[in-house]
Amino acid sequence: MEKIISSSSQKDTSSIHFETRKGTPIRNAQSLKISRFQQSQFSEYSRYDVLAVRTQPTGYYNCHGMTFGSRRVEIISSKEIDKILTEDDYEEIDPKKENILPGDVIMYFSEGDFEHSGIVLNVPSKNDYIKIPVVCSKWGCWSEVIHYANNCPYDFSQTKYYRIKK
């Protein structure tokens, strides 16, 4: 394991060998500590009506590490996420043409960058009044949360869905 000292917050981090399906390395990190600043942000999440909190807070992985890295790493760079989507053969799903399915990936964007990701757990039926999927995602270094896709700190109006089709 490679040892890294982050100059921005002076917290110890490490990284592991992690690669795409095609064998290309993915830059990653594992934060060994959660800073006091990060801990103070946890109270912010109480204003969201979450369905369940699945885990304790941890810095070992972020939302993208949960979605693409088996809960082992933080993936920070949009370039790395794009590499995963491309080399792992994800295809964008158009919800107007295809049904969103449990297991699909939801990506939230901010100014063209990948801001947040999660995994679809449940999709609304034709008879449901609200047509918003239920997802599991990790909010920063806080916990994994089960929530409606539009009930989180990220902009639901800029989301896309992806699925591996090959």
C-alpha atoms as a PDB file:
ATOM      1  CA  MET A   1       0.000   0.000   0.000  1.00  0.00           C
ATOM      2  CA  GLU A   2       1.306   3.446  -0.927  1.00  0.00           C
ATOM      3  CA  LYS A   3       1.450   6.047   1.878  1.00  0.00           C
ATOM      4  CA  ILE A   4       0.431   9.603   0.972  1.00  0.00           C
ATOM      5  CA  ILE A   5       0.255  12.735   3.130  1.00  0.00           C
ATOM      6  CA  SER A   6      -2.423  15.142   1.983  1.00  0.00           C
ATOM      7  CA  SER A   7      -1.154  18.713   2.235  1.00  0.00           C
ATOM      8  CA  SER A   8      -4.643  20.227   2.262  1.00  0.00           C
ATOM      9  CA  SER A   9      -5.841  18.675   5.500  1.00  0.00           C
ATOM     10  CA  GLN A  10      -2.677  16.911   6.711  1.00  0.00           C
ATOM     11  CA  LYS A  11      -4.526  13.618   7.106  1.00  0.00           C
ATOM     12  CA  ASP A  12      -2.937  10.311   6.317  1.00  0.00           C
ATOM     13  CA  THR A  13      -4.245   8.512   3.275  1.00  0.00           C
ATOM     14  CA  SER A  14      -3.300   5.428   1.359  1.00  0.00           C
ATOM     15  CA  SER A  15      -4.235   3.911  -1.984  1.00  0.00           C
ATOM     16  CA  ILE A  16      -4.651   0.413  -3.362  1.00  0.00           C
ATOM     17  CA  HIS A  17      -4.161  -1.242  -6.725  1.00  0.00           C
ATOM     18  CA  PHE A  18      -7.462  -0.701  -8.541  1.00  0.00           C
ATOM     19  CA  GLU A  19      -8.092  -0.923 -12.274  1.00  0.00           C
ATOM     20  CA  THR A  20     -10.769  -0.954 -14.961  1.00  0.00           C
ATOM     21  CA  ARG A  21     -12.032  -4.129 -16.564  1.00  0.00           C
ATOM     22  CA  LYS A  22      -9.495  -3.509 -19.354  1.00  0.00           C
ATOM     23  CA  GLY A  23      -6.610  -3.322 -16.869  1.00  0.00           C
ATOM     24  CA  THR A  24      -6.024   0.438 -16.792  1.00  0.00           C
ATOM     25  CA  PRO A  25      -5.031   1.718 -13.315  1.00  0.00           C
ATOM     26  CA  ILE A  26      -7.510   3.976 -11.507  1.00  0.00           C
ATOM     27  CA  ARG A  27      -6.058   6.652  -9.219  1.00  0.00           C
ATOM     28  CA  ASN A  28      -7.659   6.333  -5.801  1.00  0.00           C
ATOM     29  CA  ALA A  29      -7.251   7.022  -2.113  1.00  0.00           C
ATOM     30  CA  GLN A  30      -8.387   5.730   1.247  1.00  0.00           C
ATOM     31  CA  SER A  31      -8.656   8.339   3.980  1.00  0.00           C
ATOM     32  CA  LEU A  32      -7.703   6.808   7.285  1.00  0.00           C
ATOM     33  CA  LYS A  33      -9.292   9.569   9.358  1.00  0.00           C
ATOM     34  CA  ILE A  34     -12.299  11.856   9.124  1.00  0.00           C
ATOM     35  CA  SER A  35     -11.384  15.452   9.959  1.00  0.00           C
ATOM     36  CA  ARG A  36     -13.322  17.550  12.467  1.00  0.00           C
ATOM     37  CA  PHE A  37     -14.448  19.759   9.604  1.00  0.00           C
ATOM     38  CA  GLN A  38     -15.872  16.734   7.792  1.00  0.00           C
ATOM     39  CA  GLN A  39     -17.525  15.517  11.002  1.00  0.00           C
ATOM     40  CA  SER A  40     -19.193  18.907  11.453  1.00  0.00           C
ATOM     41  CA  GLN A  41     -20.883  18.510   8.078  1.00  0.00           C
ATOM     42  CA  PHE A  42     -22.780  15.393   9.200  1.00  0.00           C
ATOM     43  CA  SER A  43     -25.456  17.505  10.922  1.00  0.00           C
ATOM     44  CA  GLU A  44     -26.233  19.090   7.537  1.00  0.00           C
ATOM     45  CA  TYR A  45     -27.711  15.814   6.356  1.00  0.00           C
ATOM     46  CA  SER A  46     -30.429  15.717   9.000  1.00  0.00           C
ATOM     47  CA  ARG A  47     -32.525  18.056   6.862  1.00  0.00           C
ATOM     48  CA  TYR A  48     -33.038  15.314   4.254  1.00  0.00           C
ATOM     49  CA  ASP A  49     -35.790  12.752   4.621  1.00  0.00           C
ATOM     50  CA  VAL A  50     -33.699   9.621   4.162  1.00  0.00           C
ATOM     51  CA  LEU A  51     -35.265   6.176   4.162  1.00  0.00           C
ATOM     52  CA  ALA A  52     -32.365   4.539   6.006  1.00  0.00           C
ATOM     53  CA  VAL A  53     -28.764   5.122   7.035  1.00  0.00           C
ATOM     54  CA  ARG A  54     -26.847   1.927   6.215  1.00  0.00           C
ATOM     55  CA  THR A  55     -23.364   2.456   7.648  1.00  0.00           C
ATOM     56  CA  GLN A  56     -21.221   4.410  10.048  1.00  0.00           C
ATOM     57  CA  PRO A  57     -19.218   7.316   8.590  1.00  0.00           C
ATOM     58  CA  THR A  58     -15.920   6.289   7.011  1.00  0.00           C
ATOM     59  CA  GLY A  59     -13.267   7.910   4.882  1.00  0.00           C
ATOM     60  CA  TYR A  60     -12.119   4.686   3.267  1.00  0.00           C
ATOM     61  CA  TYR A  61     -14.454   5.209   0.310  1.00  0.00           C
ATOM     62  CA  ASN A  62     -16.688   7.854  -1.209  1.00  0.00           C
ATOM     63  CA  CYS A  63     -19.814   7.581  -3.358  1.00  0.00           C
ATOM     64  CA  HIS A  64     -17.849   6.665  -6.487  1.00  0.00           C
ATOM     65  CA  GLY A  65     -15.846   4.099  -4.536  1.00  0.00           C
ATOM     66  CA  MET A  66     -19.112   2.590  -3.311  1.00  0.00           C
ATOM     67  CA  THR A  67     -20.599   2.577  -6.809  1.00  0.00           C
ATOM     68  CA  PHE A  68     -17.564   1.398  -8.792  1.00  0.00           C
ATOM     69  CA  GLY A  69     -14.935   0.269  -6.267  1.00  0.00           C
ATOM     70  CA  SER A  70     -16.648  -2.291  -4.021  1.00  0.00           C
ATOM     71  CA  ARG A  71     -16.553   0.131  -1.080  1.00  0.00           C
ATOM     72  CA  ARG A  72     -12.753   0.068  -1.004  1.00  0.00           C
ATOM     73  CA  VAL A  73     -11.584   3.442  -2.351  1.00  0.00           C
ATOM     74  CA  GLU A  74     -12.240   7.120  -2.902  1.00  0.00           C
ATOM     75  CA  ILE A  75     -12.333   8.061  -6.584  1.00  0.00           C
ATOM     76  CA  ILE A  76     -12.108  11.833  -6.820  1.00  0.00           C
ATOM     77  CA  SER A  77     -11.326  12.730 -10.430  1.00  0.00           C
ATOM     78  CA  SER A  78     -13.999  12.980 -13.123  1.00  0.00           C
ATOM     79  CA  LYS A  79     -11.332  11.738 -15.524  1.00  0.00           C
ATOM     80  CA  GLU A  80     -11.062   8.486 -13.541  1.00  0.00           C
ATOM     81  CA  ILE A  81     -14.839   8.046 -13.424  1.00  0.00           C
ATOM     82  CA  ASP A  82     -15.087   8.627 -17.163  1.00  0.00           C
ATOM     83  CA  LYS A  83     -12.346   6.019 -17.633  1.00  0.00           C
ATOM     84  CA  ILE A  84     -14.377   3.500 -15.601  1.00  0.00           C
ATOM     85  CA  LEU A  85     -17.590   4.216 -17.518  1.00  0.00           C
ATOM     86  CA  THR A  86     -15.786   3.800 -20.843  1.00  0.00           C
ATOM     87  CA  GLU A  87     -13.508   0.838 -20.130  1.00  0.00           C
ATOM     88  CA  ASP A  88     -16.063  -1.114 -18.101  1.00  0.00           C
ATOM     89  CA  ASP A  89     -18.560  -0.767 -20.983  1.00  0.00           C
ATOM     90  CA  TYR A  90     -21.232   1.303 -19.259  1.00  0.00           C
ATOM     91  CA  GLU A  91     -23.839   2.793 -21.565  1.00  0.00           C
ATOM     92  CA  GLU A  92     -26.077   5.734 -20.794  1.00  0.00           C
ATOM     93  CA  ILE A  93     -29.744   4.830 -20.371  1.00  0.00           C
ATOM     94  CA  ASP A  94     -32.390   7.241 -21.626  1.00  0.00           C
ATOM     95  CA  PRO A  95     -35.297   6.918 -19.155  1.00  0.00           C
ATOM     96  CA  LYS A  96     -37.696   8.125 -21.853  1.00  0.00           C
ATOM     97  CA  LYS A  97     -36.812   5.138 -24.059  1.00  0.00           C
ATOM     98  CA  GLU A  98     -35.788   2.433 -21.572  1.00  0.00           C
ATOM     99  CA  ASN A  99     -36.822   1.460 -18.082  1.00  0.00           C
ATOM    100  CA  ILE A 100     -34.405   2.224 -15.284  1.00  0.00           C
ATOM    101  CA  LEU A 101     -33.664  -1.042 -13.468  1.00  0.00           C
ATOM    102  CA  PRO A 102     -32.387  -1.955 -10.002  1.00  0.00           C
ATOM    103  CA  GLY A 103     -28.597  -2.117 -10.191  1.00  0.00           C
ATOM    104  CA  ASP A 104     -28.305   0.754 -12.672  1.00  0.00           C
ATOM    105  CA  VAL A 105     -25.943   3.577 -11.752  1.00  0.00           C
ATOM    106  CA  ILE A 106     -27.203   7.117 -11.235  1.00  0.00           C
ATOM    107  CA  MET A 107     -24.707   9.928 -11.795  1.00  0.00           C
ATOM    108  CA  TYR A 108     -25.263  13.491 -10.567  1.00  0.00           C
ATOM    109  CA  PHE A 109     -23.449  16.268 -12.436  1.00  0.00           C
ATOM    110  CA  SER A 110     -22.333  19.750 -11.479  1.00  0.00           C
ATOM    111  CA  GLU A 111     -20.942  22.054 -14.164  1.00  0.00           C
ATOM    112  CA  GLY A 112     -20.253  19.062 -16.409  1.00  0.00           C
ATOM    113  CA  ASP A 113     -18.271  17.121 -13.796  1.00  0.00           C
ATOM    114  CA  PHE A 114     -19.309  13.937 -12.028  1.00  0.00           C
ATOM    115  CA  GLU A 115     -20.372  15.180  -8.588  1.00  0.00           C
ATOM    116  CA  HIS A 116     -22.065  12.145  -7.044  1.00  0.00           C
ATOM    117  CA  SER A 117     -23.078   8.576  -7.838  1.00  0.00           C
ATOM    118  CA  GLY A 118     -25.260   5.838  -6.444  1.00  0.00           C
ATOM    119  CA  ILE A 119     -26.891   2.528  -7.238  1.00  0.00           C
ATOM    120  CA  VAL A 120     -30.592   2.229  -8.076  1.00  0.00           C
ATOM    121  CA  LEU A 121     -32.353  -0.086  -5.618  1.00  0.00           C
ATOM    122  CA  ASN A 122     -35.996   0.273  -6.546  1.00  0.00           C
ATOM    123  CA  VAL A 123     -37.852   1.843  -9.432  1.00  0.00           C
ATOM    124  CA  PRO A 124     -41.385   3.191  -9.452  1.00  0.00           C
ATOM    125  CA  SER A 125     -44.075   1.078 -11.030  1.00  0.00           C
ATOM    126  CA  LYS A 126     -46.407   2.397 -13.700  1.00  0.00           C
ATOM    127  CA  ASN A 127     -49.048   2.984 -11.018  1.00  0.00           C
ATOM    128  CA  ASP A 128     -46.825   4.935  -8.625  1.00  0.00           C
ATOM    129  CA  TYR A 129     -47.665   8.600  -8.334  1.00  0.00           C
ATOM    130  CA  ILE A 130     -44.050   9.617  -7.784  1.00  0.00           C
ATOM    131  CA  LYS A 131     -41.704   8.439 -10.547  1.00  0.00           C
ATOM    132  CA  ILE A 132     -38.453   8.829  -8.592  1.00  0.00           C
ATOM    133  CA  PRO A 133     -36.179   5.800  -8.042  1.00  0.00           C
ATOM    134  CA  VAL A 134     -34.835   4.808  -4.640  1.00  0.00           C
ATOM    135  CA  VAL A 135     -31.035   4.717  -4.556  1.00  0.00           C
ATOM    136  CA  CYS A 136     -28.214   3.839  -2.207  1.00  0.00           C
ATOM    137  CA  SER A 137     -25.365   6.338  -2.193  1.00  0.00           C
ATOM    138  CA  LYS A 138     -22.619   7.520   0.119  1.00  0.00           C
ATOM    139  CA  TRP A 139     -22.697  11.173   1.036  1.00  0.00           C
ATOM    140  CA  GLY A 140     -19.063  12.288   1.135  1.00  0.00           C
ATOM    141  CA  CYS A 141     -17.276  10.679   4.067  1.00  0.00           C
ATOM    142  CA  TRP A 142     -20.567  10.340   5.890  1.00  0.00           C
ATOM    143  CA  SER A 143     -22.696   7.215   5.749  1.00  0.00           C
ATOM    144  CA  GLU A 144     -24.298   5.190   3.013  1.00  0.00           C
ATOM    145  CA  VAL A 145     -27.865   6.391   2.735  1.00  0.00           C
ATOM    146  CA  ILE A 146     -30.965   4.920   1.118  1.00  0.00           C
ATOM    147  CA  HIS A 147     -33.024   7.783  -0.268  1.00  0.00           C
ATOM    148  CA  TYR A 148     -35.196   8.931  -3.130  1.00  0.00           C
ATOM    149  CA  ALA A 149     -32.891  10.094  -5.915  1.00  0.00           C
ATOM    150  CA  ASN A 150     -34.187  13.659  -5.622  1.00  0.00           C
ATOM    151  CA  ASN A 151     -33.873  13.863  -1.823  1.00  0.00           C
ATOM    152  CA  CYS A 152     -30.166  14.403  -1.261  1.00  0.00           C
ATOM    153  CA  PRO A 153     -27.576  17.208  -1.236  1.00  0.00           C
ATOM    154  CA  TYR A 154     -26.910  16.786  -4.974  1.00  0.00           C
ATOM    155  CA  ASP A 155     -28.723  18.286  -7.980  1.00  0.00           C
ATOM    156  CA  PHE A 156     -31.272  15.757  -9.240  1.00  0.00           C
ATOM    157  CA  SER A 157     -32.047  17.924 -12.292  1.00  0.00           C
ATOM    158  CA  GLN A 158     -28.619  17.013 -13.708  1.00  0.00           C
ATOM    159  CA  THR A 159     -28.611  13.224 -13.483  1.00  0.00           C
ATOM    160  CA  LYS A 160     -27.924  10.426 -15.925  1.00  0.00           C
ATOM    161  CA  TYR A 161     -28.311   6.667 -15.626  1.00  0.00           C
ATOM    162  CA  TYR A 162     -25.808   4.043 -16.759  1.00  0.00           C
ATOM    163  CA  ARG A 163     -25.794   0.274 -17.167  1.00  0.00           C
ATOM    164  CA  ILE A 164     -23.250  -2.307 -18.287  1.00  0.00           C
ATOM    165  CA  LYS A 165     -24.764  -3.920 -21.363  1.00  0.00           C
ATOM    166  CA  LYS A 166     -21.906  -6.133 -22.575  1.00  0.00           C
END
